[in-house]
PDB file of N, CA and C in Angstrom:
ATOM      1  N   MET A   1       8.793  -0.240  -5.867  1.00  0.00           N
ATOM      2  CA  MET A   1      10.145  -0.447  -5.400  1.00  0.00           C
ATOM      3  C   MET A   1      10.456   0.582  -4.307  1.00  0.00           C
ATOM      4  N   SER A   2      11.004   0.100  -3.207  1.00  0.00           N
ATOM      5  CA  SER A   2      11.279   0.988  -2.077  1.00  0.00           C
ATOM      6  C   SER A   2      12.570   1.768  -2.295  1.00  0.00           C
ATOM      7  N   ALA A   3      12.754   2.772  -1.462  1.00  0.00           N
ATOM      8  CA  ALA A   3      13.954   3.618  -1.556  1.00  0.00           C
ATOM      9  C   ALA A   3      15.223   2.809  -1.288  1.00  0.00           C
ATOM     10  N   LEU A   4      15.161   1.860  -0.354  1.00  0.00           N
ATOM     11  CA  LEU A   4      16.335   1.041  -0.066  1.00  0.00           C
ATOM     12  C   LEU A   4      16.637   0.094  -1.213  1.00  0.00           C
ATOM     13  N   ASP A   5      15.602  -0.432  -1.857  1.00  0.00           N
ATOM     14  CA  ASP A   5      15.816  -1.283  -3.021  1.00  0.00           C
ATOM     15  C   ASP A   5      16.455  -0.489  -4.158  1.00  0.00           C
ATOM     16  N   GLN A   6      16.036   0.747  -4.322  1.00  0.00           N
ATOM     17  CA  GLN A   6      16.608   1.595  -5.362  1.00  0.00           C
ATOM     18  C   GLN A   6      18.070   1.924  -5.081  1.00  0.00           C
ATOM     19  N   GLN A   7      18.443   1.976  -3.813  1.00  0.00           N
ATOM     20  CA  GLN A   7      19.840   2.225  -3.439  1.00  0.00           C
ATOM     21  C   GLN A   7      20.693   0.970  -3.598  1.00  0.00           C
ATOM     22  N   GLY A   8      20.044  -0.158  -3.834  1.00  0.00           N
ATOM     23  CA  GLY A   8      20.772  -1.412  -4.008  1.00  0.00           C
ATOM     24  C   GLY A   8      21.091  -2.133  -2.716  1.00  0.00           C
ATOM     25  N   ILE A   9      20.340  -1.831  -1.654  1.00  0.00           N
ATOM     26  CA  ILE A   9      20.552  -2.489  -0.362  1.00  0.00           C
ATOM     27  C   ILE A   9      19.881  -3.856  -0.422  1.00  0.00           C
ATOM     28  N   PRO A  10      20.639  -4.950  -0.226  1.00  0.00           N
ATOM     29  CA  PRO A  10      20.038  -6.288  -0.275  1.00  0.00           C
ATOM     30  C   PRO A  10      18.953  -6.465   0.795  1.00  0.00           C
ATOM     31  N   LYS A  11      17.932  -7.211   0.462  1.00  0.00           N
ATOM     32  CA  LYS A  11      16.811  -7.461   1.386  1.00  0.00           C
ATOM     33  C   LYS A  11      17.308  -8.102   2.688  1.00  0.00           C
ATOM     34  N   GLU A  12      18.298  -8.968   2.585  1.00  0.00           N
ATOM     35  CA  GLU A  12      18.834  -9.628   3.768  1.00  0.00           C
ATOM     36  C   GLU A  12      19.420  -8.606   4.762  1.00  0.00           C
ATOM     37  N   LEU A  13      20.107  -7.590   4.247  1.00  0.00           N
ATOM     38  CA  LEU A  13      20.656  -6.554   5.122  1.00  0.00           C
ATOM     39  C   LEU A  13      19.556  -5.659   5.680  1.00  0.00           C
ATOM     40  N   GLN A  14      18.529  -5.398   4.894  1.00  0.00           N
ATOM     41  CA  GLN A  14      17.395  -4.614   5.393  1.00  0.00           C
ATOM     42  C   GLN A  14      16.733  -5.338   6.557  1.00  0.00           C
ATOM     43  N   ASP A  15      16.512  -6.644   6.397  1.00  0.00           N
ATOM     44  CA  ASP A  15      15.884  -7.430   7.465  1.00  0.00           C
ATOM     45  C   ASP A  15      16.769  -7.492   8.701  1.00  0.00           C
ATOM     46  N   ARG A  16      18.079  -7.617   8.494  1.00  0.00           N
ATOM     47  CA  ARG A  16      19.015  -7.662   9.616  1.00  0.00           C
ATOM     48  C   ARG A  16      18.990  -6.340  10.381  1.00  0.00           C
ATOM     49  N   ALA A  17      18.946  -5.229   9.653  1.00  0.00           N
ATOM     50  CA  ALA A  17      18.903  -3.910  10.300  1.00  0.00           C
ATOM     51  C   ALA A  17      17.597  -3.722  11.076  1.00  0.00           C
ATOM     52  N   LYS A  18      16.478  -4.164  10.499  1.00  0.00           N
ATOM     53  CA  LYS A  18      15.195  -4.074  11.224  1.00  0.00           C
ATOM     54  C   LYS A  18      15.275  -4.835  12.534  1.00  0.00           C
ATOM     55  N   LEU A  19      15.764  -6.051  12.483  1.00  0.00           N
ATOM     56  CA  LEU A  19      15.864  -6.879  13.680  1.00  0.00           C
ATOM     57  C   LEU A  19      16.812  -6.253  14.700  1.00  0.00           C
ATOM     58  N   MET A  20      17.927  -5.727  14.204  1.00  0.00           N
ATOM     59  CA  MET A  20      18.893  -5.081  15.088  1.00  0.00           C
ATOM     60  C   MET A  20      18.252  -3.892  15.809  1.00  0.00           C
ATOM     61  N   TRP A  21      17.485  -3.080  15.092  1.00  0.00           N
ATOM     62  CA  TRP A  21      16.867  -1.898  15.707  1.00  0.00           C
ATOM     63  C   TRP A  21      15.842  -2.274  16.761  1.00  0.00           C
ATOM     64  N   ILE A  22      15.030  -3.304  16.494  1.00  0.00           N
ATOM     65  CA  ILE A  22      14.007  -3.650  17.488  1.00  0.00           C
ATOM     66  C   ILE A  22      14.651  -4.289  18.723  1.00  0.00           C
ATOM     67  N   ILE A  23      15.698  -5.080  18.532  1.00  0.00           N
ATOM     68  CA  ILE A  23      16.423  -5.638  19.685  1.00  0.00           C
ATOM     69  C   ILE A  23      17.056  -4.507  20.484  1.00  0.00           C
ATOM     70  N   SER A  24      17.626  -3.542  19.791  1.00  0.00           N
ATOM     71  CA  SER A  24      18.240  -2.395  20.462  1.00  0.00           C
ATOM     72  C   SER A  24      17.207  -1.585  21.234  1.00  0.00           C
ATOM     73  N   GLY A  25      16.018  -1.430  20.670  1.00  0.00           N
ATOM     74  CA  GLY A  25      14.970  -0.679  21.356  1.00  0.00           C
ATOM     75  C   GLY A  25      14.556  -1.312  22.663  1.00  0.00           C
ATOM     76  N   ILE A  26      14.573  -2.631  22.699  1.00  0.00           N
ATOM     77  CA  ILE A  26      14.127  -3.343  23.902  1.00  0.00           C
ATOM     78  C   ILE A  26      15.289  -3.613  24.858  1.00  0.00           C
ATOM     79  N   PHE A  27      16.430  -4.041  24.305  1.00  0.00           N
ATOM     80  CA  PHE A  27      17.548  -4.492  25.145  1.00  0.00           C
ATOM     81  C   PHE A  27      18.785  -3.607  25.076  1.00  0.00           C
ATOM     82  N   GLY A  28      18.683  -2.418  24.509  1.00  0.00           N
ATOM     83  CA  GLY A  28      19.805  -1.478  24.486  1.00  0.00           C
ATOM     84  C   GLY A  28      20.963  -1.934  23.619  1.00  0.00           C
ATOM     85  N   LEU A  29      22.145  -1.998  24.188  1.00  0.00           N
ATOM     86  CA  LEU A  29      23.362  -2.321  23.437  1.00  0.00           C
ATOM     87  C   LEU A  29      23.357  -3.725  22.823  1.00  0.00           C
ATOM     88  N   TRP A  30      22.484  -4.599  23.276  1.00  0.00           N
ATOM     89  CA  TRP A  30      22.455  -5.946  22.722  1.00  0.00           C
ATOM     90  C   TRP A  30      22.031  -5.969  21.258  1.00  0.00           C
ATOM     91  N   GLY A  31      21.314  -4.972  20.816  1.00  0.00           N
ATOM     92  CA  GLY A  31      20.963  -4.881  19.393  1.00  0.00           C
ATOM     93  C   GLY A  31      22.198  -4.683  18.540  1.00  0.00           C
ATOM     94  N   TRP A  32      23.104  -3.829  19.007  1.00  0.00           N
ATOM     95  CA  TRP A  32      24.348  -3.608  18.279  1.00  0.00           C
ATOM     96  C   TRP A  32      25.221  -4.861  18.298  1.00  0.00           C
ATOM     97  N   VAL A  33      25.312  -5.520  19.446  1.00  0.00           N
ATOM     98  CA  VAL A  33      26.101  -6.760  19.539  1.00  0.00           C
ATOM     99  C   VAL A  33      25.548  -7.792  18.563  1.00  0.00           C
ATOM    100  N   PHE A  34      24.236  -7.905  18.495  1.00  0.00           N
ATOM    101  CA  PHE A  34      23.618  -8.845  17.560  1.00  0.00           C
ATOM    102  C   PHE A  34      23.954  -8.477  16.120  1.00  0.00           C
ATOM    103  N   GLY A  35      23.790  -7.211  15.770  1.00  0.00           N
ATOM    104  CA  GLY A  35      24.027  -6.779  14.398  1.00  0.00           C
ATOM    105  C   GLY A  35      25.483  -6.856  13.980  1.00  0.00           C
ATOM    106  N   ALA A  36      26.394  -6.572  14.902  1.00  0.00           N
ATOM    107  CA  ALA A  36      27.815  -6.533  14.556  1.00  0.00           C
ATOM    108  C   ALA A  36      28.488  -7.897  14.630  1.00  0.00           C
ATOM    109  N   TYR A  37      28.049  -8.757  15.535  1.00  0.00           N
ATOM    110  CA  TYR A  37      28.777  -9.999  15.763  1.00  0.00           C
ATOM    111  C   TYR A  37      27.930 -11.264  15.662  1.00  0.00           C
ATOM    112  N   ILE A  38      26.829 -11.327  16.362  1.00  0.00           N
ATOM    113  CA  ILE A  38      26.072 -12.574  16.464  1.00  0.00           C
ATOM    114  C   ILE A  38      25.345 -12.907  15.171  1.00  0.00           C
ATOM    115  N   GLY A  39      24.606 -11.977  14.638  1.00  0.00           N
ATOM    116  CA  GLY A  39      23.802 -12.240  13.446  1.00  0.00           C
ATOM    117  C   GLY A  39      24.464 -11.784  12.174  1.00  0.00           C
ATOM    118  N   LYS A  40      25.764 -11.912  12.087  1.00  0.00           N
ATOM    119  CA  LYS A  40      26.514 -11.397  10.946  1.00  0.00           C
ATOM    120  C   LYS A  40      26.097 -12.113   9.656  1.00  0.00           C
ATOM    121  N   VAL A  41      25.865 -11.321   8.605  1.00  0.00           N
ATOM    122  CA  VAL A  41      25.513 -11.871   7.296  1.00  0.00           C
ATOM    123  C   VAL A  41      26.566 -11.455   6.272  1.00  0.00           C
ATOM    124  N   GLU A  42      26.623 -12.194   5.198  1.00  0.00           N
ATOM    125  CA  GLU A  42      27.609 -11.926   4.158  1.00  0.00           C
ATOM    126  C   GLU A  42      27.379 -10.552   3.529  1.00  0.00           C
ATOM    127  N   GLY A  43      28.434  -9.803   3.393  1.00  0.00           N
ATOM    128  CA  GLY A  43      28.369  -8.505   2.745  1.00  0.00           C
ATOM    129  C   GLY A  43      28.112  -7.328   3.661  1.00  0.00           C
ATOM    130  N   GLN A  44      27.842  -7.564   4.934  1.00  0.00           N
ATOM    131  CA  GLN A  44      27.514  -6.439   5.815  1.00  0.00           C
ATOM    132  C   GLN A  44      28.733  -5.574   6.109  1.00  0.00           C
ATOM    133  N   ASP A  45      29.932  -6.144   6.097  1.00  0.00           N
ATOM    134  CA  ASP A  45      31.127  -5.356   6.381  1.00  0.00           C
ATOM    135  C   ASP A  45      31.477  -4.415   5.236  1.00  0.00           C
ATOM    136  N   GLU A  46      31.078  -4.756   4.019  1.00  0.00           N
ATOM    137  CA  GLU A  46      31.388  -3.927   2.848  1.00  0.00           C
ATOM    138  C   GLU A  46      30.291  -2.911   2.536  1.00  0.00           C
ATOM    139  N   ASN A  47      29.114  -3.096   3.100  1.00  0.00           N
ATOM    140  CA  ASN A  47      27.977  -2.245   2.778  1.00  0.00           C
ATOM    141  C   ASN A  47      27.997  -0.989   3.649  1.00  0.00           C
ATOM    142  N   THR A  48      28.179   0.170   3.030  1.00  0.00           N
ATOM    143  CA  THR A  48      28.283   1.410   3.799  1.00  0.00           C
ATOM    144  C   THR A  48      26.979   1.764   4.494  1.00  0.00           C
ATOM    145  N   TRP A  49      25.836   1.461   3.870  1.00  0.00           N
ATOM    146  CA  TRP A  49      24.548   1.745   4.511  1.00  0.00           C
ATOM    147  C   TRP A  49      24.409   0.950   5.798  1.00  0.00           C
ATOM    148  N   PHE A  50      24.728  -0.332   5.771  1.00  0.00           N
ATOM    149  CA  PHE A  50      24.590  -1.156   6.968  1.00  0.00           C
ATOM    150  C   PHE A  50      25.572  -0.711   8.045  1.00  0.00           C
ATOM    151  N   GLN A  51      26.779  -0.334   7.658  1.00  0.00           N
ATOM    152  CA  GLN A  51      27.755   0.146   8.630  1.00  0.00           C
ATOM    153  C   GLN A  51      27.268   1.429   9.301  1.00  0.00           C
ATOM    154  N   TRP A  52      26.600   2.286   8.520  1.00  0.00           N
ATOM    155  CA  TRP A  52      26.025   3.501   9.085  1.00  0.00           C
ATOM    156  C   TRP A  52      24.911   3.162  10.081  1.00  0.00           C
ATOM    157  N   GLN A  53      24.088   2.164   9.744  1.00  0.00           N
ATOM    158  CA  GLN A  53      23.036   1.730  10.665  1.00  0.00           C
ATOM    159  C   GLN A  53      23.647   1.181  11.952  1.00  0.00           C
ATOM    160  N   LEU A  54      24.726   0.405  11.818  1.00  0.00           N
ATOM    161  CA  LEU A  54      25.407  -0.127  13.004  1.00  0.00           C
ATOM    162  C   LEU A  54      25.932   0.992  13.904  1.00  0.00           C
ATOM    163  N   LYS A  55      26.527   2.002  13.298  1.00  0.00           N
ATOM    164  CA  LYS A  55      27.093   3.099  14.077  1.00  0.00           C
ATOM    165  C   LYS A  55      25.991   3.870  14.799  1.00  0.00           C
ATOM    166  N   GLN A  56      24.890   4.152  14.116  1.00  0.00           N
ATOM    167  CA  GLN A  56      23.760   4.833  14.768  1.00  0.00           C
ATOM    168  C   GLN A  56      23.220   3.981  15.911  1.00  0.00           C
ATOM    169  N   ASN A  57      23.146   2.677  15.662  1.00  0.00           N
ATOM    170  CA  ASN A  57      22.617   1.765  16.655  1.00  0.00           C
ATOM    171  C   ASN A  57      23.509   1.719  17.885  1.00  0.00           C
ATOM    172  N   LEU A  58      24.813   1.742  17.684  1.00  0.00           N
ATOM    173  CA  LEU A  58      25.746   1.766  18.807  1.00  0.00           C
ATOM    174  C   LEU A  58      25.539   3.022  19.646  1.00  0.00           C
ATOM    175  N   TYR A  59      25.470   4.179  19.003  1.00  0.00           N
ATOM    176  CA  TYR A  59      25.250   5.432  19.729  1.00  0.00           C
ATOM    177  C   TYR A  59      23.918   5.415  20.469  1.00  0.00           C
ATOM    178  N   SER A  60      22.898   4.887  19.831  1.00  0.00           N
ATOM    179  CA  SER A  60      21.582   4.782  20.464  1.00  0.00           C
ATOM    180  C   SER A  60      21.644   3.880  21.696  1.00  0.00           C
ATOM    181  N   GLY A  61      22.345   2.764  21.575  1.00  0.00           N
ATOM    182  CA  GLY A  61      22.491   1.848  22.706  1.00  0.00           C
ATOM    183  C   GLY A  61      23.240   2.468  23.866  1.00  0.00           C
ATOM    184  N   ILE A  62      24.260   3.247  23.552  1.00  0.00           N
ATOM    185  CA  ILE A  62      25.020   3.927  24.614  1.00  0.00           C
ATOM    186  C   ILE A  62      24.141   4.951  25.325  1.00  0.00           C
ATOM    187  N   ILE A  63      23.379   5.724  24.549  1.00  0.00           N
ATOM    188  CA  ILE A  63      22.452   6.688  25.154  1.00  0.00           C
ATOM    189  C   ILE A  63      21.449   5.977  26.048  1.00  0.00           C
ATOM    190  N   SER A  64      20.909   4.871  25.568  1.00  0.00           N
ATOM    191  CA  SER A  64      19.932   4.114  26.335  1.00  0.00           C
ATOM    192  C   SER A  64      20.539   3.575  27.625  1.00  0.00           C
ATOM    193  N   TRP A  65      21.741   3.012  27.541  1.00  0.00           N
ATOM    194  CA  TRP A  65      22.385   2.414  28.702  1.00  0.00           C
ATOM    195  C   TRP A  65      22.771   3.463  29.735  1.00  0.00           C
ATOM    196  N   VAL A  66      23.445   4.517  29.293  1.00  0.00           N
ATOM    197  CA  VAL A  66      23.875   5.564  30.220  1.00  0.00           C
ATOM    198  C   VAL A  66      22.661   6.287  30.802  1.00  0.00           C
ATOM    199  N   GLY A  67      21.702   6.639  29.932  1.00  0.00           N
ATOM    200  CA  GLY A  67      20.523   7.359  30.401  1.00  0.00           C
ATOM    201  C   GLY A  67      19.681   6.561  31.371  1.00  0.00           C
ATOM    202  N   SER A  68      19.551   5.258  31.133  1.00  0.00           N
ATOM    203  CA  SER A  68      18.744   4.453  32.050  1.00  0.00           C
ATOM    204  C   SER A  68      19.475   4.246  33.367  1.00  0.00           C
ATOM    205  N   SER A  69      20.805   4.262  33.341  1.00  0.00           N
ATOM    206  CA  SER A  69      21.574   4.149  34.584  1.00  0.00           C
ATOM    207  C   SER A  69      21.419   5.398  35.442  1.00  0.00           C
ATOM    208  N   LEU A  70      21.289   6.554  34.773  1.00  0.00           N
ATOM    209  CA  LEU A  70      21.208   7.810  35.510  1.00  0.00           C
ATOM    210  C   LEU A  70      19.792   8.159  35.951  1.00  0.00           C
ATOM    211  N   CYS A  71      18.830   8.078  35.025  1.00  0.00           N
ATOM    212  CA  CYS A  71      17.495   8.545  35.405  1.00  0.00           C
ATOM    213  C   CYS A  71      16.346   7.762  34.775  1.00  0.00           C
ATOM    214  N   GLY A  72      16.619   6.849  33.891  1.00  0.00           N
ATOM    215  CA  GLY A  72      15.549   6.062  33.279  1.00  0.00           C
ATOM    216  C   GLY A  72      15.020   6.620  31.974  1.00  0.00           C
ATOM    217  N   LEU A  73      15.272   7.899  31.702  1.00  0.00           N
ATOM    218  CA  LEU A  73      14.753   8.495  30.469  1.00  0.00           C
ATOM    219  C   LEU A  73      15.522   8.027  29.228  1.00  0.00           C
ATOM    220  N   GLY A  74      16.758   7.624  29.408  1.00  0.00           N
ATOM    221  CA  GLY A  74      17.543   7.129  28.283  1.00  0.00           C
ATOM    222  C   GLY A  74      16.942   5.880  27.676  1.00  0.00           C
ATOM    223  N   TYR A  75      16.339   5.047  28.519  1.00  0.00           N
ATOM    224  CA  TYR A  75      15.691   3.849  27.998  1.00  0.00           C
ATOM    225  C   TYR A  75      14.536   4.214  27.070  1.00  0.00           C
ATOM    226  N   ILE A  76      13.796   5.234  27.412  1.00  0.00           N
ATOM    227  CA  ILE A  76      12.679   5.677  26.570  1.00  0.00           C
ATOM    228  C   ILE A  76      13.202   6.195  25.237  1.00  0.00           C
ATOM    229  N   ALA A  77      14.298   6.939  25.257  1.00  0.00           N
ATOM    230  CA  ALA A  77      14.901   7.419  24.009  1.00  0.00           C
ATOM    231  C   ALA A  77      15.378   6.242  23.161  1.00  0.00           C
ATOM    232  N   GLY A  78      16.057   5.274  23.772  1.00  0.00           N
ATOM    233  CA  GLY A  78      16.515   4.090  23.047  1.00  0.00           C
ATOM    234  C   GLY A  78      15.367   3.286  22.476  1.00  0.00           C
ATOM    235  N   LEU A  79      14.280   3.176  23.241  1.00  0.00           N
ATOM    236  CA  LEU A  79      13.097   2.472  22.760  1.00  0.00           C
ATOM    237  C   LEU A  79      12.491   3.193  21.561  1.00  0.00           C
ATOM    238  N   TYR A  80      12.426   4.505  21.633  1.00  0.00           N
ATOM    239  CA  TYR A  80      11.908   5.299  20.518  1.00  0.00           C
ATOM    240  C   TYR A  80      12.761   5.103  19.264  1.00  0.00           C
ATOM    241  N   PHE A  81      14.095   5.236  19.416  1.00  0.00           N
ATOM    242  CA  PHE A  81      14.986   5.052  18.271  1.00  0.00           C
ATOM    243  C   PHE A  81      14.828   3.657  17.673  1.00  0.00           C
ATOM    244  N   GLY A  82      14.745   2.648  18.530  1.00  0.00           N
ATOM    245  CA  GLY A  82      14.619   1.270  18.057  1.00  0.00           C
ATOM    246  C   GLY A  82      13.340   1.017  17.293  1.00  0.00           C
ATOM    247  N   VAL A  83      12.226   1.476  17.839  1.00  0.00           N
ATOM    248  CA  VAL A  83      10.931   1.266  17.171  1.00  0.00           C
ATOM    249  C   VAL A  83      10.865   2.048  15.869  1.00  0.00           C
ATOM    250  N   MET A  84      11.343   3.272  15.885  1.00  0.00           N
ATOM    251  CA  MET A  84      11.317   4.070  14.647  1.00  0.00           C
ATOM    252  C   MET A  84      12.224   3.467  13.577  1.00  0.00           C
ATOM    253  N   GLY A  85      13.393   2.962  13.971  1.00  0.00           N
ATOM    254  CA  GLY A  85      14.278   2.299  13.018  1.00  0.00           C
ATOM    255  C   GLY A  85      13.624   1.069  12.412  1.00  0.00           C
ATOM    256  N   PHE A  86      12.992   0.272  13.259  1.00  0.00           N
ATOM    257  CA  PHE A  86      12.300  -0.934  12.791  1.00  0.00           C
ATOM    258  C   PHE A  86      11.186  -0.582  11.813  1.00  0.00           C
ATOM    259  N   LEU A  87      10.358   0.394  12.164  1.00  0.00           N
ATOM    260  CA  LEU A  87       9.222   0.759  11.319  1.00  0.00           C
ATOM    261  C   LEU A  87       9.664   1.430  10.014  1.00  0.00           C
ATOM    262  N   THR A  88      10.647   2.313  10.089  1.00  0.00           N
ATOM    263  CA  THR A  88      11.099   3.035   8.901  1.00  0.00           C
ATOM    264  C   THR A  88      11.754   2.094   7.899  1.00  0.00           C
ATOM    265  N   ILE A  89      12.655   1.242   8.365  1.00  0.00           N
ATOM    266  CA  ILE A  89      13.305   0.295   7.462  1.00  0.00           C
ATOM    267  C   ILE A  89      12.293  -0.733   6.974  1.00  0.00           C
ATOM    268  N   GLY A  90      11.324  -1.071   7.803  1.00  0.00           N
ATOM    269  CA  GLY A  90      10.264  -1.986   7.390  1.00  0.00           C
ATOM    270  C   GLY A  90       9.448  -1.451   6.229  1.00  0.00           C
ATOM    271  N   LYS A  91       9.322  -0.124   6.147  1.00  0.00           N
ATOM    272  CA  LYS A  91       8.621   0.495   5.017  1.00  0.00           C
ATOM    273  C   LYS A  91       9.528   0.655   3.808  1.00  0.00           C
ATOM    274  N   GLY A  92      10.800   0.282   3.949  1.00  0.00           N
ATOM    275  CA  GLY A  92      11.735   0.384   2.843  1.00  0.00           C
ATOM    276  C   GLY A  92      12.374   1.746   2.702  1.00  0.00           C
ATOM    277  N   GLU A  93      12.347   2.525   3.769  1.00  0.00           N
ATOM    278  CA  GLU A  93      12.944   3.865   3.739  1.00  0.00           C
ATOM    279  C   GLU A  93      14.229   3.876   4.559  1.00  0.00           C
ATOM    280  N   ASP A  94      15.099   4.809   4.241  1.00  0.00           N
ATOM    281  CA  ASP A  94      16.357   4.962   4.959  1.00  0.00           C
ATOM    282  C   ASP A  94      16.071   5.577   6.329  1.00  0.00           C
ATOM    283  N   TYR A  95      16.711   5.058   7.383  1.00  0.00           N
ATOM    284  CA  TYR A  95      16.482   5.572   8.729  1.00  0.00           C
ATOM    285  C   TYR A  95      17.683   6.361   9.215  1.00  0.00           C
ATOM    286  N   SER A  96      17.412   7.541   9.720  1.00  0.00           N
ATOM    287  CA  SER A  96      18.420   8.382  10.343  1.00  0.00           C
ATOM    288  C   SER A  96      17.878   8.773  11.717  1.00  0.00           C
ATOM    289  N   ALA A  97      18.503   8.237  12.756  1.00  0.00           N
ATOM    290  CA  ALA A  97      18.033   8.490  14.115  1.00  0.00           C
ATOM    291  C   ALA A  97      18.163   9.969  14.461  1.00  0.00           C
ATOM    292  N   PRO A  98      17.146  10.540  15.108  1.00  0.00           N
ATOM    293  CA  PRO A  98      17.214  11.946  15.509  1.00  0.00           C
ATOM    294  C   PRO A  98      18.421  12.203  16.400  1.00  0.00           C
ATOM    295  N   MET A  99      19.112  13.285  16.174  1.00  0.00           N
ATOM    296  CA  MET A  99      20.274  13.730  16.938  1.00  0.00           C
ATOM    297  C   MET A  99      21.501  12.835  16.775  1.00  0.00           C
ATOM    298  N   ILE A 100      21.351  11.662  16.182  1.00  0.00           N
ATOM    299  CA  ILE A 100      22.460  10.712  16.066  1.00  0.00           C
ATOM    300  C   ILE A 100      22.890  10.541  14.625  1.00  0.00           C
ATOM    301  N   GLY A 101      21.923  10.503  13.724  1.00  0.00           N
ATOM    302  CA  GLY A 101      22.168  10.147  12.332  1.00  0.00           C
ATOM    303  C   GLY A 101      23.268  10.912  11.644  1.00  0.00           C
ATOM    304  N   GLU A 102      23.247  12.215  11.721  1.00  0.00           N
ATOM    305  CA  GLU A 102      24.255  13.017  11.038  1.00  0.00           C
ATOM    306  C   GLU A 102      25.622  12.908  11.718  1.00  0.00           C
ATOM    307  N   LYS A 103      25.638  12.718  13.020  1.00  0.00           N
ATOM    308  CA  LYS A 103      26.902  12.562  13.731  1.00  0.00           C
ATOM    309  C   LYS A 103      27.545  11.218  13.425  1.00  0.00           C
ATOM    310  N   ALA A 104      26.735  10.235  13.062  1.00  0.00           N
ATOM    311  CA  ALA A 104      27.245   8.894  12.791  1.00  0.00           C
ATOM    312  C   ALA A 104      27.871   8.785  11.401  1.00  0.00           C
ATOM    313  N   ARG A 105      27.583   9.691  10.511  1.00  0.00           N
ATOM    314  CA  ARG A 105      28.126   9.596   9.132  1.00  0.00           C
ATOM    315  C   ARG A 105      29.581   9.913   9.081  1.00  0.00           C
TER     316      ARG A 105
END
């Protein structure tokens, strides 16, 4: 049993968060738009873990968008956050983005 399963996070929300992170890694803020509005699933508004993932994802998307507009390095940071979020949640572990996670709580 994974750490997320032990926390009581539904598999559907875990899968939604994985998809949101990989979309965010590739397309920046569109991952957050997908997770918050387009791919909305039942129970995501009440689940504090998923809301925390959304908030981290939003901050990551903003960093990616602003950074890529200025120098291109922000896109690399957003890609890193997205891939790590996808892989970590895919293993069933809780993901906290570097430099963002604690600020998002």
